C-alpha atoms as a PDB file:
ATOM      1  CA  UNK A   1     -32.496  15.929  38.732  1.00  0.00           C
ATOM      2  CA  UNK A   2     -34.663  17.710  36.164  1.00  0.00           C
ATOM      3  CA  UNK A   3     -31.773  19.846  34.885  1.00  0.00           C
ATOM      4  CA  UNK A   4     -29.711  16.873  33.640  1.00  0.00           C
ATOM      5  CA  UNK A   5     -31.903  15.904  30.711  1.00  0.00           C
ATOM      6  CA  UNK A   6     -31.714  19.234  28.821  1.00  0.00           C
ATOM      7  CA  UNK A   7     -27.997  19.382  29.575  1.00  0.00           C
ATOM      8  CA  UNK A   8     -27.427  15.917  28.118  1.00  0.00           C
ATOM      9  CA  UNK A   9     -29.507  16.888  25.089  1.00  0.00           C
ATOM     10  CA  UNK A  10     -27.450  20.037  24.529  1.00  0.00           C
ATOM     11  CA  UNK A  11     -24.157  18.134  24.808  1.00  0.00           C
ATOM     12  CA  UNK A  12     -25.392  15.499  22.362  1.00  0.00           C
ATOM     13  CA  UNK A  13     -26.625  18.179  19.957  1.00  0.00           C
ATOM     14  CA  UNK A  14     -23.266  19.990  20.042  1.00  0.00           C
ATOM     15  CA  UNK A  15     -21.417  16.693  19.491  1.00  0.00           C
ATOM     16  CA  UNK A  16     -23.568  15.811  16.493  1.00  0.00           C
ATOM     17  CA  UNK A  17     -23.118  19.315  15.116  1.00  0.00           C
ATOM     18  CA  UNK A  18     -19.326  19.064  15.349  1.00  0.00           C
ATOM     19  CA  UNK A  19     -19.390  15.685  13.616  1.00  0.00           C
ATOM     20  CA  UNK A  20     -21.544  17.081  10.821  1.00  0.00           C
ATOM     21  CA  UNK A  21     -19.235  20.066  10.350  1.00  0.00           C
ATOM     22  CA  UNK A  22     -16.213  17.774  10.084  1.00  0.00           C
ATOM     23  CA  UNK A  23     -17.944  15.629   7.480  1.00  0.00           C
ATOM     24  CA  UNK A  24     -18.821  18.748   5.521  1.00  0.00           C
ATOM     25  CA  UNK A  25     -15.129  19.680   5.536  1.00  0.00           C
ATOM     26  CA  UNK A  26     -14.229  16.199   4.299  1.00  0.00           C
ATOM     27  CA  UNK A  27     -16.810  16.377   1.508  1.00  0.00           C
ATOM     28  CA  UNK A  28     -15.340  19.710   0.445  1.00  0.00           C
ATOM     29  CA  UNK A  29     -11.825  18.212   0.356  1.00  0.00           C
ATOM     30  CA  UNK A  30     -13.015  15.374  -1.898  1.00  0.00           C
ATOM     31  CA  UNK A  31     -15.322  17.428  -4.121  1.00  0.00           C
ATOM     32  CA  UNK A  32     -13.217  16.685  -7.216  1.00  0.00           C
ATOM     33  CA  UNK A  33     -13.854  12.946  -6.763  1.00  0.00           C
ATOM     34  CA  UNK A  34     -17.636  13.186  -6.420  1.00  0.00           C
ATOM     35  CA  UNK A  35     -20.415  12.811  -8.972  1.00  0.00           C
ATOM     36  CA  UNK A  36     -19.473  11.145 -12.259  1.00  0.00           C
ATOM     37  CA  UNK A  37     -15.734  11.549 -11.770  1.00  0.00           C
ATOM     38  CA  UNK A  38     -13.213   8.801 -10.994  1.00  0.00           C
ATOM     39  CA  UNK A  39     -13.786   8.274  -7.315  1.00  0.00           C
ATOM     40  CA  UNK A  40     -12.342   7.760  -3.865  1.00  0.00           C
ATOM     41  CA  UNK A  41     -12.905   5.572  -0.833  1.00  0.00           C
ATOM     42  CA  UNK A  42     -11.979   7.124   2.517  1.00  0.00           C
ATOM     43  CA  UNK A  43     -11.777   5.540   5.957  1.00  0.00           C
ATOM     44  CA  UNK A  44     -10.579   6.830   9.313  1.00  0.00           C
ATOM     45  CA  UNK A  45     -10.026   4.329  12.122  1.00  0.00           C
ATOM     46  CA  UNK A  46      -9.600   5.217  15.791  1.00  0.00           C
ATOM     47  CA  UNK A  47      -8.983   2.646  18.522  1.00  0.00           C
ATOM     48  CA  UNK A  48     -10.535  -0.129  16.469  1.00  0.00           C
ATOM     49  CA  UNK A  49     -13.678   1.781  15.511  1.00  0.00           C
ATOM     50  CA  UNK A  50     -14.440   3.276  12.114  1.00  0.00           C
ATOM     51  CA  UNK A  51     -14.621   6.981  12.849  1.00  0.00           C
ATOM     52  CA  UNK A  52     -15.446   8.022   9.291  1.00  0.00           C
ATOM     53  CA  UNK A  53     -16.130   6.334   5.959  1.00  0.00           C
ATOM     54  CA  UNK A  54     -17.009   8.234   2.812  1.00  0.00           C
ATOM     55  CA  UNK A  55     -17.352   7.079  -0.785  1.00  0.00           C
ATOM     56  CA  UNK A  56     -17.211   9.369  -3.782  1.00  0.00           C
ATOM     57  CA  UNK A  57     -17.618   9.099  -7.532  1.00  0.00           C
ATOM     58  CA  UNK A  58     -17.375   6.117  -9.822  1.00  0.00           C
ATOM     59  CA  UNK A  59     -15.307   2.942  -9.828  1.00  0.00           C
ATOM     60  CA  UNK A  60     -16.079   2.408 -13.512  1.00  0.00           C
ATOM     61  CA  UNK A  61     -17.279   5.269 -15.681  1.00  0.00           C
ATOM     62  CA  UNK A  62     -18.745   3.454 -18.675  1.00  0.00           C
ATOM     63  CA  UNK A  63     -21.439   1.720 -16.633  1.00  0.00           C
ATOM     64  CA  UNK A  64     -21.578   4.369 -13.881  1.00  0.00           C
ATOM     65  CA  UNK A  65     -20.656   1.922 -11.115  1.00  0.00           C
ATOM     66  CA  UNK A  66     -20.251   3.822  -7.845  1.00  0.00           C
ATOM     67  CA  UNK A  67     -17.418   3.444  -5.358  1.00  0.00           C
ATOM     68  CA  UNK A  68     -18.430   1.477  -2.243  1.00  0.00           C
ATOM     69  CA  UNK A  69     -16.752  -0.044   0.815  1.00  0.00           C
ATOM     70  CA  UNK A  70     -16.081  -3.186  -1.245  1.00  0.00           C
ATOM     71  CA  UNK A  71     -14.560  -1.463  -4.282  1.00  0.00           C
ATOM     72  CA  UNK A  72     -11.076  -2.863  -4.903  1.00  0.00           C
ATOM     73  CA  UNK A  73      -8.483  -0.336  -6.059  1.00  0.00           C
ATOM     74  CA  UNK A  74      -4.963  -1.069  -7.218  1.00  0.00           C
ATOM     75  CA  UNK A  75      -2.844  -0.270  -4.168  1.00  0.00           C
ATOM     76  CA  UNK A  76       0.308   0.460  -6.204  1.00  0.00           C
ATOM     77  CA  UNK A  77       3.238   0.818  -3.775  1.00  0.00           C
ATOM     78  CA  UNK A  78       1.037   0.334  -0.702  1.00  0.00           C
ATOM     79  CA  UNK A  79       1.473  -3.283  -1.878  1.00  0.00           C
ATOM     80  CA  UNK A  80       5.035  -3.254  -0.531  1.00  0.00           C
ATOM     81  CA  UNK A  81       3.928  -3.697   3.075  1.00  0.00           C
ATOM     82  CA  UNK A  82       2.253  -6.994   2.123  1.00  0.00           C
ATOM     83  CA  UNK A  83       5.316  -8.164   0.205  1.00  0.00           C
ATOM     84  CA  UNK A  84       7.516  -7.272   3.176  1.00  0.00           C
ATOM     85  CA  UNK A  85       5.165  -9.055   5.585  1.00  0.00           C
ATOM     86  CA  UNK A  86       5.405 -12.195   3.447  1.00  0.00           C
ATOM     87  CA  UNK A  87       9.205 -12.116   3.775  1.00  0.00           C
ATOM     88  CA  UNK A  88       8.997 -11.444   7.523  1.00  0.00           C
ATOM     89  CA  UNK A  89       6.732 -14.482   7.862  1.00  0.00           C
ATOM     90  CA  UNK A  90       9.328 -16.597   6.075  1.00  0.00           C
ATOM     91  CA  UNK A  91      11.980 -15.200   8.409  1.00  0.00           C
ATOM     92  CA  UNK A  92       9.777 -15.930  11.402  1.00  0.00           C
ATOM     93  CA  UNK A  93       9.546 -19.562  10.283  1.00  0.00           C
ATOM     94  CA  UNK A  94      13.324 -19.832   9.858  1.00  0.00           C
ATOM     95  CA  UNK A  95      13.520 -19.960   6.083  1.00  0.00           C
ATOM     96  CA  UNK A  96      15.803 -16.921   5.788  1.00  0.00           C
ATOM     97  CA  UNK A  97      17.156 -13.944   7.773  1.00  0.00           C
ATOM     98  CA  UNK A  98      17.972 -10.290   7.196  1.00  0.00           C
ATOM     99  CA  UNK A  99      21.564 -11.402   6.562  1.00  0.00           C
ATOM    100  CA  UNK A 100      20.725 -14.113   3.998  1.00  0.00           C
ATOM    101  CA  UNK A 101      22.650 -13.288   0.788  1.00  0.00           C
ATOM    102  CA  UNK A 102      20.516 -12.629  -2.274  1.00  0.00           C
ATOM    103  CA  UNK A 103      22.621 -14.972  -4.401  1.00  0.00           C
ATOM    104  CA  UNK A 104      21.875 -17.910  -2.098  1.00  0.00           C
ATOM    105  CA  UNK A 105      18.273 -17.764  -3.361  1.00  0.00           C
ATOM    106  CA  UNK A 106      19.111 -16.535  -6.881  1.00  0.00           C
ATOM    107  CA  UNK A 107      22.461 -18.133  -7.784  1.00  0.00           C
ATOM    108  CA  UNK A 108      21.884 -17.227 -11.436  1.00  0.00           C
ATOM    109  CA  UNK A 109      22.370 -13.517 -10.704  1.00  0.00           C
ATOM    110  CA  UNK A 110      25.780 -12.009 -11.587  1.00  0.00           C
ATOM    111  CA  UNK A 111      28.578 -11.478  -9.072  1.00  0.00           C
ATOM    112  CA  UNK A 112      27.611  -7.849  -8.436  1.00  0.00           C
ATOM    113  CA  UNK A 113      24.811  -9.014  -6.087  1.00  0.00           C
ATOM    114  CA  UNK A 114      27.167 -10.975  -3.824  1.00  0.00           C
ATOM    115  CA  UNK A 115      27.109  -8.271  -1.142  1.00  0.00           C
ATOM    116  CA  UNK A 116      23.317  -7.771  -1.190  1.00  0.00           C
ATOM    117  CA  UNK A 117      21.255  -9.329   1.589  1.00  0.00           C
ATOM    118  CA  UNK A 118      17.529  -9.490   2.353  1.00  0.00           C
ATOM    119  CA  UNK A 119      17.623  -6.757   4.959  1.00  0.00           C
ATOM    120  CA  UNK A 120      18.928  -4.403   2.291  1.00  0.00           C
ATOM    121  CA  UNK A 121      16.228  -5.421  -0.176  1.00  0.00           C
ATOM    122  CA  UNK A 122      13.496  -4.778   2.391  1.00  0.00           C
ATOM    123  CA  UNK A 123      14.891  -1.380   3.403  1.00  0.00           C
ATOM    124  CA  UNK A 124      15.868  -0.104  -0.081  1.00  0.00           C
ATOM    125  CA  UNK A 125      19.587  -0.033   0.683  1.00  0.00           C
ATOM    126  CA  UNK A 126      20.672  -2.649  -1.887  1.00  0.00           C
ATOM    127  CA  UNK A 127      21.640  -0.174  -4.602  1.00  0.00           C
ATOM    128  CA  UNK A 128      19.941  -2.252  -7.321  1.00  0.00           C
ATOM    129  CA  UNK A 129      19.538  -0.525 -10.689  1.00  0.00           C
ATOM    130  CA  UNK A 130      15.944   0.624 -11.336  1.00  0.00           C
ATOM    131  CA  UNK A 131      14.338  -1.927 -13.624  1.00  0.00           C
ATOM    132  CA  UNK A 132      12.078   0.739 -15.131  1.00  0.00           C
ATOM    133  CA  UNK A 133      15.150   2.271 -16.758  1.00  0.00           C
ATOM    134  CA  UNK A 134      16.008  -1.121 -18.291  1.00  0.00           C
ATOM    135  CA  UNK A 135      12.717  -1.639 -20.151  1.00  0.00           C
ATOM    136  CA  UNK A 136      13.345  -1.187 -23.908  1.00  0.00           C
ATOM    137  CA  UNK A 137      11.441   1.642 -25.581  1.00  0.00           C
ATOM    138  CA  UNK A 138      10.209  -0.907 -28.117  1.00  0.00           C
ATOM    139  CA  UNK A 139       8.603  -3.145 -25.468  1.00  0.00           C
ATOM    140  CA  UNK A 140       4.902  -3.841 -25.974  1.00  0.00           C
ATOM    141  CA  UNK A 141       4.228  -6.656 -23.500  1.00  0.00           C
ATOM    142  CA  UNK A 142       3.834  -5.629 -19.836  1.00  0.00           C
ATOM    143  CA  UNK A 143       6.725  -6.572 -17.563  1.00  0.00           C
ATOM    144  CA  UNK A 144       6.288  -9.207 -14.854  1.00  0.00           C
ATOM    145  CA  UNK A 145       8.407 -10.068 -11.816  1.00  0.00           C
ATOM    146  CA  UNK A 146      10.397 -12.730 -13.672  1.00  0.00           C
ATOM    147  CA  UNK A 147      11.192 -10.197 -16.368  1.00  0.00           C
ATOM    148  CA  UNK A 148      12.650  -7.944 -13.682  1.00  0.00           C
ATOM    149  CA  UNK A 149      14.954 -10.784 -12.615  1.00  0.00           C
ATOM    150  CA  UNK A 150      16.078 -11.267 -16.208  1.00  0.00           C
ATOM    151  CA  UNK A 151      16.777  -7.548 -16.620  1.00  0.00           C
ATOM    152  CA  UNK A 152      18.886  -7.506 -13.462  1.00  0.00           C
ATOM    153  CA  UNK A 153      20.875 -10.445 -14.840  1.00  0.00           C
ATOM    154  CA  UNK A 154      21.944  -8.217 -17.741  1.00  0.00           C
ATOM    155  CA  UNK A 155      23.560  -5.469 -15.648  1.00  0.00           C
ATOM    156  CA  UNK A 156      26.867  -5.679 -13.816  1.00  0.00           C
ATOM    157  CA  UNK A 157      26.783  -3.093 -11.043  1.00  0.00           C
ATOM    158  CA  UNK A 158      24.739  -1.314  -8.386  1.00  0.00           C
ATOM    159  CA  UNK A 159      24.250   2.410  -7.796  1.00  0.00           C
ATOM    160  CA  UNK A 160      26.373   2.203  -4.639  1.00  0.00           C
ATOM    161  CA  UNK A 161      27.957  -0.316  -2.304  1.00  0.00           C
ATOM    162  CA  UNK A 162      25.052  -2.341  -0.815  1.00  0.00           C
ATOM    163  CA  UNK A 163      24.093  -1.098   2.626  1.00  0.00           C
ATOM    164  CA  UNK A 164      25.895   2.242   2.299  1.00  0.00           C
ATOM    165  CA  UNK A 165      23.026   4.410   1.046  1.00  0.00           C
ATOM    166  CA  UNK A 166      19.282   4.536   0.383  1.00  0.00           C
ATOM    167  CA  UNK A 167      17.620   4.335  -3.030  1.00  0.00           C
ATOM    168  CA  UNK A 168      13.958   3.344  -3.401  1.00  0.00           C
ATOM    169  CA  UNK A 169      13.872   0.128  -5.431  1.00  0.00           C
ATOM    170  CA  UNK A 170      10.801  -1.373  -7.048  1.00  0.00           C
ATOM    171  CA  UNK A 171      13.044  -4.091  -8.460  1.00  0.00           C
ATOM    172  CA  UNK A 172      14.108  -5.148  -4.991  1.00  0.00           C
ATOM    173  CA  UNK A 173      10.471  -5.807  -4.102  1.00  0.00           C
ATOM    174  CA  UNK A 174       9.928  -7.794  -7.313  1.00  0.00           C
ATOM    175  CA  UNK A 175      12.805 -10.023  -6.163  1.00  0.00           C
ATOM    176  CA  UNK A 176      11.163 -10.357  -2.746  1.00  0.00           C
ATOM    177  CA  UNK A 177       7.954 -11.644  -4.374  1.00  0.00           C
ATOM    178  CA  UNK A 178       9.987 -14.142  -6.410  1.00  0.00           C
ATOM    179  CA  UNK A 179      11.767 -15.198  -3.210  1.00  0.00           C
ATOM    180  CA  UNK A 180       8.407 -16.053  -1.658  1.00  0.00           C
ATOM    181  CA  UNK A 181       7.647 -18.266  -4.657  1.00  0.00           C
ATOM    182  CA  UNK A 182      10.993 -20.074  -4.494  1.00  0.00           C
ATOM    183  CA  UNK A 183      10.875 -20.703  -0.757  1.00  0.00           C
ATOM    184  CA  UNK A 184       7.157 -21.476  -0.412  1.00  0.00           C
ATOM    185  CA  UNK A 185       6.636 -23.373  -3.647  1.00  0.00           C
ATOM    186  CA  UNK A 186       3.465 -21.574  -4.776  1.00  0.00           C
ATOM    187  CA  UNK A 187       2.769 -18.404  -6.728  1.00  0.00           C
ATOM    188  CA  UNK A 188       3.009 -15.105  -4.890  1.00  0.00           C
ATOM    189  CA  UNK A 189      -0.770 -14.476  -5.241  1.00  0.00           C
ATOM    190  CA  UNK A 190      -1.460 -17.894  -3.733  1.00  0.00           C
ATOM    191  CA  UNK A 191       0.955 -17.280  -0.865  1.00  0.00           C
ATOM    192  CA  UNK A 192      -0.800 -14.013  -0.020  1.00  0.00           C
ATOM    193  CA  UNK A 193      -4.185 -15.708  -0.170  1.00  0.00           C
ATOM    194  CA  UNK A 194      -3.138 -18.577   2.103  1.00  0.00           C
ATOM    195  CA  UNK A 195      -1.081 -16.652   4.629  1.00  0.00           C
ATOM    196  CA  UNK A 196      -2.503 -13.124   4.798  1.00  0.00           C
ATOM    197  CA  UNK A 197      -5.774 -12.559   2.953  1.00  0.00           C
ATOM    198  CA  UNK A 198      -7.683 -15.686   4.014  1.00  0.00           C
ATOM    199  CA  UNK A 199      -6.548 -15.633   7.669  1.00  0.00           C
ATOM    200  CA  UNK A 200      -7.642 -11.982   7.941  1.00  0.00           C
ATOM    201  CA  UNK A 201     -10.851 -12.541   5.943  1.00  0.00           C
ATOM    202  CA  UNK A 202      -9.725 -10.001   3.348  1.00  0.00           C
ATOM    203  CA  UNK A 203     -12.073 -11.624   0.867  1.00  0.00           C
ATOM    204  CA  UNK A 204     -11.757  -9.111  -1.973  1.00  0.00           C
ATOM    205  CA  UNK A 205      -7.988  -8.596  -1.915  1.00  0.00           C
ATOM    206  CA  UNK A 206      -5.813 -10.165  -4.595  1.00  0.00           C
ATOM    207  CA  UNK A 207      -2.441  -9.864  -6.275  1.00  0.00           C
ATOM    208  CA  UNK A 208      -3.841  -9.519  -9.773  1.00  0.00           C
ATOM    209  CA  UNK A 209      -2.557 -11.584 -12.696  1.00  0.00           C
ATOM    210  CA  UNK A 210      -4.697 -10.979 -15.771  1.00  0.00           C
ATOM    211  CA  UNK A 211      -4.710 -14.542 -17.086  1.00  0.00           C
ATOM    212  CA  UNK A 212      -4.879 -16.299 -13.698  1.00  0.00           C
ATOM    213  CA  UNK A 213      -7.323 -14.536 -11.370  1.00  0.00           C
ATOM    214  CA  UNK A 214      -9.767 -11.637 -11.263  1.00  0.00           C
ATOM    215  CA  UNK A 215     -10.524  -8.565  -9.195  1.00  0.00           C
ATOM    216  CA  UNK A 216     -14.030  -8.501  -7.791  1.00  0.00           C
ATOM    217  CA  UNK A 217     -15.746  -5.110  -7.519  1.00  0.00           C
ATOM    218  CA  UNK A 218     -12.860  -3.641  -9.466  1.00  0.00           C
ATOM    219  CA  UNK A 219     -12.115   0.035  -9.821  1.00  0.00           C
ATOM    220  CA  UNK A 220     -10.576   1.004 -13.159  1.00  0.00           C
ATOM    221  CA  UNK A 221      -7.952   3.697 -13.478  1.00  0.00           C
ATOM    222  CA  UNK A 222      -8.348   7.049 -15.233  1.00  0.00           C
ATOM    223  CA  UNK A 223      -6.424  10.194 -15.983  1.00  0.00           C
ATOM    224  CA  UNK A 224      -7.969  13.654 -16.164  1.00  0.00           C
ATOM    225  CA  UNK A 225      -6.439  15.959 -18.779  1.00  0.00           C
ATOM    226  CA  UNK A 226      -7.942  19.435 -18.668  1.00  0.00           C
ATOM    227  CA  UNK A 227     -11.673  18.648 -18.711  1.00  0.00           C
ATOM    228  CA  UNK A 228     -11.302  15.285 -20.459  1.00  0.00           C
ATOM    229  CA  UNK A 229     -11.274  11.922 -18.642  1.00  0.00           C
ATOM    230  CA  UNK A 230      -9.089   9.246 -20.238  1.00  0.00           C
ATOM    231  CA  UNK A 231      -9.036   5.528 -19.466  1.00  0.00           C
ATOM    232  CA  UNK A 232      -5.619   4.825 -17.920  1.00  0.00           C
ATOM    233  CA  UNK A 233      -5.784   1.503 -16.115  1.00  0.00           C
ATOM    234  CA  UNK A 234      -2.574  -0.392 -16.910  1.00  0.00           C
ATOM    235  CA  UNK A 235       0.999   0.483 -17.835  1.00  0.00           C
ATOM    236  CA  UNK A 236       4.112  -1.462 -18.814  1.00  0.00           C
ATOM    237  CA  UNK A 237       4.889  -2.041 -15.132  1.00  0.00           C
ATOM    238  CA  UNK A 238       1.386  -2.714 -13.779  1.00  0.00           C
ATOM    239  CA  UNK A 239       1.841  -6.498 -13.944  1.00  0.00           C
ATOM    240  CA  UNK A 240       4.825  -6.565 -11.573  1.00  0.00           C
ATOM    241  CA  UNK A 241       3.332  -7.910  -8.344  1.00  0.00           C
ATOM    242  CA  UNK A 242       5.906  -7.447  -5.602  1.00  0.00           C
ATOM    243  CA  UNK A 243       6.193  -3.698  -5.911  1.00  0.00           C
ATOM    244  CA  UNK A 244       2.588  -2.723  -6.622  1.00  0.00           C
ATOM    245  CA  UNK A 245       0.227  -5.422  -7.905  1.00  0.00           C
ATOM    246  CA  UNK A 246      -2.317  -5.874  -5.098  1.00  0.00           C
ATOM    247  CA  UNK A 247      -5.936  -4.717  -5.301  1.00  0.00           C
ATOM    248  CA  UNK A 248      -7.866  -4.108  -2.091  1.00  0.00           C
ATOM    249  CA  UNK A 249     -10.742  -2.133  -0.575  1.00  0.00           C
ATOM    250  CA  UNK A 250     -11.000   0.092   2.480  1.00  0.00           C
ATOM    251  CA  UNK A 251     -13.141  -2.644   4.041  1.00  0.00           C
ATOM    252  CA  UNK A 252     -10.323  -5.176   3.708  1.00  0.00           C
ATOM    253  CA  UNK A 253      -7.669  -2.621   4.644  1.00  0.00           C
ATOM    254  CA  UNK A 254      -9.488  -2.082   7.940  1.00  0.00           C
ATOM    255  CA  UNK A 255      -8.866  -5.759   8.746  1.00  0.00           C
ATOM    256  CA  UNK A 256      -5.204  -5.406   7.793  1.00  0.00           C
ATOM    257  CA  UNK A 257      -4.880  -2.290   9.953  1.00  0.00           C
ATOM    258  CA  UNK A 258      -6.223  -4.042  13.015  1.00  0.00           C
ATOM    259  CA  UNK A 259      -4.046  -7.120  12.463  1.00  0.00           C
ATOM    260  CA  UNK A 260      -0.934  -4.929  12.615  1.00  0.00           C
ATOM    261  CA  UNK A 261      -1.582  -4.271  16.319  1.00  0.00           C
ATOM    262  CA  UNK A 262      -1.308  -7.978  17.145  1.00  0.00           C
ATOM    263  CA  UNK A 263       0.940 -10.973  16.545  1.00  0.00           C
ATOM    264  CA  UNK A 264      -1.326 -13.152  14.447  1.00  0.00           C
ATOM    265  CA  UNK A 265       0.761 -12.643  11.298  1.00  0.00           C
ATOM    266  CA  UNK A 266       4.291 -12.686  12.748  1.00  0.00           C
ATOM    267  CA  UNK A 267       5.879 -12.695  16.181  1.00  0.00           C
ATOM    268  CA  UNK A 268       6.248  -9.444  18.099  1.00  0.00           C
ATOM    269  CA  UNK A 269       9.963  -9.219  17.247  1.00  0.00           C
ATOM    270  CA  UNK A 270       9.351  -9.362  13.503  1.00  0.00           C
ATOM    271  CA  UNK A 271       6.354  -7.033  13.722  1.00  0.00           C
ATOM    272  CA  UNK A 272       8.619  -4.529  15.456  1.00  0.00           C
ATOM    273  CA  UNK A 273      11.195  -5.044  12.687  1.00  0.00           C
ATOM    274  CA  UNK A 274       8.610  -4.020  10.094  1.00  0.00           C
ATOM    275  CA  UNK A 275       8.408  -0.573  11.708  1.00  0.00           C
ATOM    276  CA  UNK A 276      12.134  -0.105  12.408  1.00  0.00           C
ATOM    277  CA  UNK A 277      13.987   1.993   9.802  1.00  0.00           C
ATOM    278  CA  UNK A 278      17.443   1.369   8.329  1.00  0.00           C
ATOM    279  CA  UNK A 279      19.080   4.524   6.988  1.00  0.00           C
ATOM    280  CA  UNK A 280      16.738   7.286   5.878  1.00  0.00           C
ATOM    281  CA  UNK A 281      13.262   6.610   7.311  1.00  0.00           C
ATOM    282  CA  UNK A 282      12.229   3.301   5.708  1.00  0.00           C
ATOM    283  CA  UNK A 283      11.303   0.108   7.532  1.00  0.00           C
ATOM    284  CA  UNK A 284      10.014  -3.067   5.871  1.00  0.00           C
ATOM    285  CA  UNK A 285       7.445  -1.733   3.415  1.00  0.00           C
ATOM    286  CA  UNK A 286       6.777   1.385   5.498  1.00  0.00           C
ATOM    287  CA  UNK A 287       7.996   4.942   5.816  1.00  0.00           C
ATOM    288  CA  UNK A 288       8.583   5.936   9.440  1.00  0.00           C
ATOM    289  CA  UNK A 289       8.469   9.681  10.075  1.00  0.00           C
ATOM    290  CA  UNK A 290       7.286  12.405  12.408  1.00  0.00           C
ATOM    291  CA  UNK A 291       4.159  14.358  11.558  1.00  0.00           C
ATOM    292  CA  UNK A 292       3.541  17.395  13.770  1.00  0.00           C
ATOM    293  CA  UNK A 293       5.091  15.654  16.763  1.00  0.00           C
ATOM    294  CA  UNK A 294       3.349  12.313  16.143  1.00  0.00           C
ATOM    295  CA  UNK A 295       5.005   9.105  14.969  1.00  0.00           C
ATOM    296  CA  UNK A 296       3.637   8.268  11.523  1.00  0.00           C
ATOM    297  CA  UNK A 297       3.983   4.901   9.771  1.00  0.00           C
ATOM    298  CA  UNK A 298       2.779   5.208   6.203  1.00  0.00           C
ATOM    299  CA  UNK A 299       3.076   4.547   2.497  1.00  0.00           C
ATOM    300  CA  UNK A 300       1.745   6.093  -0.676  1.00  0.00           C
ATOM    301  CA  UNK A 301       0.996   4.442  -3.992  1.00  0.00           C
ATOM    302  CA  UNK A 302       1.167   5.957  -7.473  1.00  0.00           C
ATOM    303  CA  UNK A 303       0.575   4.405 -10.865  1.00  0.00           C
ATOM    304  CA  UNK A 304      -0.917   5.300 -14.237  1.00  0.00           C
ATOM    305  CA  UNK A 305      -4.507   5.307 -12.982  1.00  0.00           C
ATOM    306  CA  UNK A 306      -4.445   5.156  -9.185  1.00  0.00           C
ATOM    307  CA  UNK A 307      -3.261   7.184  -6.201  1.00  0.00           C
ATOM    308  CA  UNK A 308      -3.411   5.699  -2.714  1.00  0.00           C
ATOM    309  CA  UNK A 309      -2.224   6.472   0.797  1.00  0.00           C
ATOM    310  CA  UNK A 310      -2.321   4.631   4.106  1.00  0.00           C
ATOM    311  CA  UNK A 311      -1.158   6.418   7.259  1.00  0.00           C
ATOM    312  CA  UNK A 312      -1.014   4.983  10.781  1.00  0.00           C
ATOM    313  CA  UNK A 313      -0.366   6.818  14.034  1.00  0.00           C
ATOM    314  CA  UNK A 314       0.173   3.843  16.357  1.00  0.00           C
ATOM    315  CA  UNK A 315       0.506   5.837  19.589  1.00  0.00           C
ATOM    316  CA  UNK A 316      -3.042   7.115  19.043  1.00  0.00           C
ATOM    317  CA  UNK A 317      -4.337   3.957  17.305  1.00  0.00           C
ATOM    318  CA  UNK A 318      -5.413   6.260  14.492  1.00  0.00           C
ATOM    319  CA  UNK A 319      -5.307   5.422  10.779  1.00  0.00           C
ATOM    320  CA  UNK A 320      -6.318   7.078   7.516  1.00  0.00           C
ATOM    321  CA  UNK A 321      -6.880   5.121   4.291  1.00  0.00           C
ATOM    322  CA  UNK A 322      -7.563   6.836   0.960  1.00  0.00           C
ATOM    323  CA  UNK A 323      -7.909   4.883  -2.283  1.00  0.00           C
ATOM    324  CA  UNK A 324      -8.554   6.658  -5.592  1.00  0.00           C
ATOM    325  CA  UNK A 325      -8.768   5.599  -9.237  1.00  0.00           C
ATOM    326  CA  UNK A 326      -7.209   8.592 -10.957  1.00  0.00           C
ATOM    327  CA  UNK A 327      -3.586   9.282 -11.835  1.00  0.00           C
ATOM    328  CA  UNK A 328      -3.336  12.695 -10.201  1.00  0.00           C
ATOM    329  CA  UNK A 329      -3.217  14.452  -7.857  1.00  0.00           C
ATOM    330  CA  UNK A 330      -1.346  12.748  -5.058  1.00  0.00           C
ATOM    331  CA  UNK A 331      -3.418  12.127  -1.943  1.00  0.00           C
ATOM    332  CA  UNK A 332      -0.984  12.410   0.952  1.00  0.00           C
ATOM    333  CA  UNK A 333      -2.057  16.003   1.549  1.00  0.00           C
ATOM    334  CA  UNK A 334      -5.642  14.766   1.905  1.00  0.00           C
ATOM    335  CA  UNK A 335      -4.613  12.174   4.502  1.00  0.00           C
ATOM    336  CA  UNK A 336      -2.782  14.877   6.420  1.00  0.00           C
ATOM    337  CA  UNK A 337      -5.815  17.158   6.262  1.00  0.00           C
ATOM    338  CA  UNK A 338      -7.995  14.369   7.668  1.00  0.00           C
ATOM    339  CA  UNK A 339      -5.439  13.735  10.408  1.00  0.00           C
ATOM    340  CA  UNK A 340      -5.513  17.415  11.306  1.00  0.00           C
ATOM    341  CA  UNK A 341      -9.320  17.448  11.442  1.00  0.00           C
ATOM    342  CA  UNK A 342      -9.949  14.195  13.288  1.00  0.00           C
ATOM    343  CA  UNK A 343      -6.848  13.687  15.434  1.00  0.00           C
ATOM    344  CA  UNK A 344      -4.883  16.861  15.996  1.00  0.00           C
ATOM    345  CA  UNK A 345      -7.868  19.205  16.422  1.00  0.00           C
ATOM    346  CA  UNK A 346      -9.456  16.933  19.006  1.00  0.00           C
END
């Protein structure tokens, strides 16, 4: 009887010590984001509980505003999973299917799109020409989704026969956002608010349009050149919404992560479709791969002033979210390091 109390104390002490050592390792990994540097928000989720959350550096350097759980970073291409979910919701309600031809929604597009369908757009197998390569060098006004449509009206071919190969396409996801607007009758930001953000209580998340809405608790983007920090928040493509225009926080992304285990957003069949790859390893807004023997569903985001990564290991109900407001370096290696520390070393 009397021996149990010291034993429990020792076990608890060892457990706390291990937790502290792991956090020290995390702090060391994110040392470059700490202090008065562009920062990072980090969250690890395990079986519905927040296993770790750490916040480093500044969301806005001029006024020394620190990164917090509510800081909203530009997600860049992590946006694509929300765009894809919007399309899957429209499919779930019978408004279109994977086989729906692109030109049935956009009859103004040239004949070269006649063999492209929505399944191919979602899975990057359409062969659409990269719109980034079509932006004139003389352009001074940032491109928006409608501009992408107009650019694609000026070309007459695809990289390959639709459905025959894989080529990552930001333009395809711009067309998906425009499809939501045509079929739902509201703007893409409003659709997201009504059908994803509000239902999940993702109160800070927004598809940002500079003259129409605002980002609360906004992180601004930077680039570090040698020892100099440069403001680097927007580029010529930052205003395209479907491929990368959402801002969100780790707090809101936690709610999104948990919703993906249920059927509140779409039916089970369409949720499964989101995580089922066509060619290569790409589902609907997600990369599906193996990481050290574990199924990983993930996406990274990269833009002029932000790097993001979101990795899920559904068999373990384990997720890692890292949002940063600096151009480089990439952060996938950090997510993998956290996975090693908190999942694979367990």
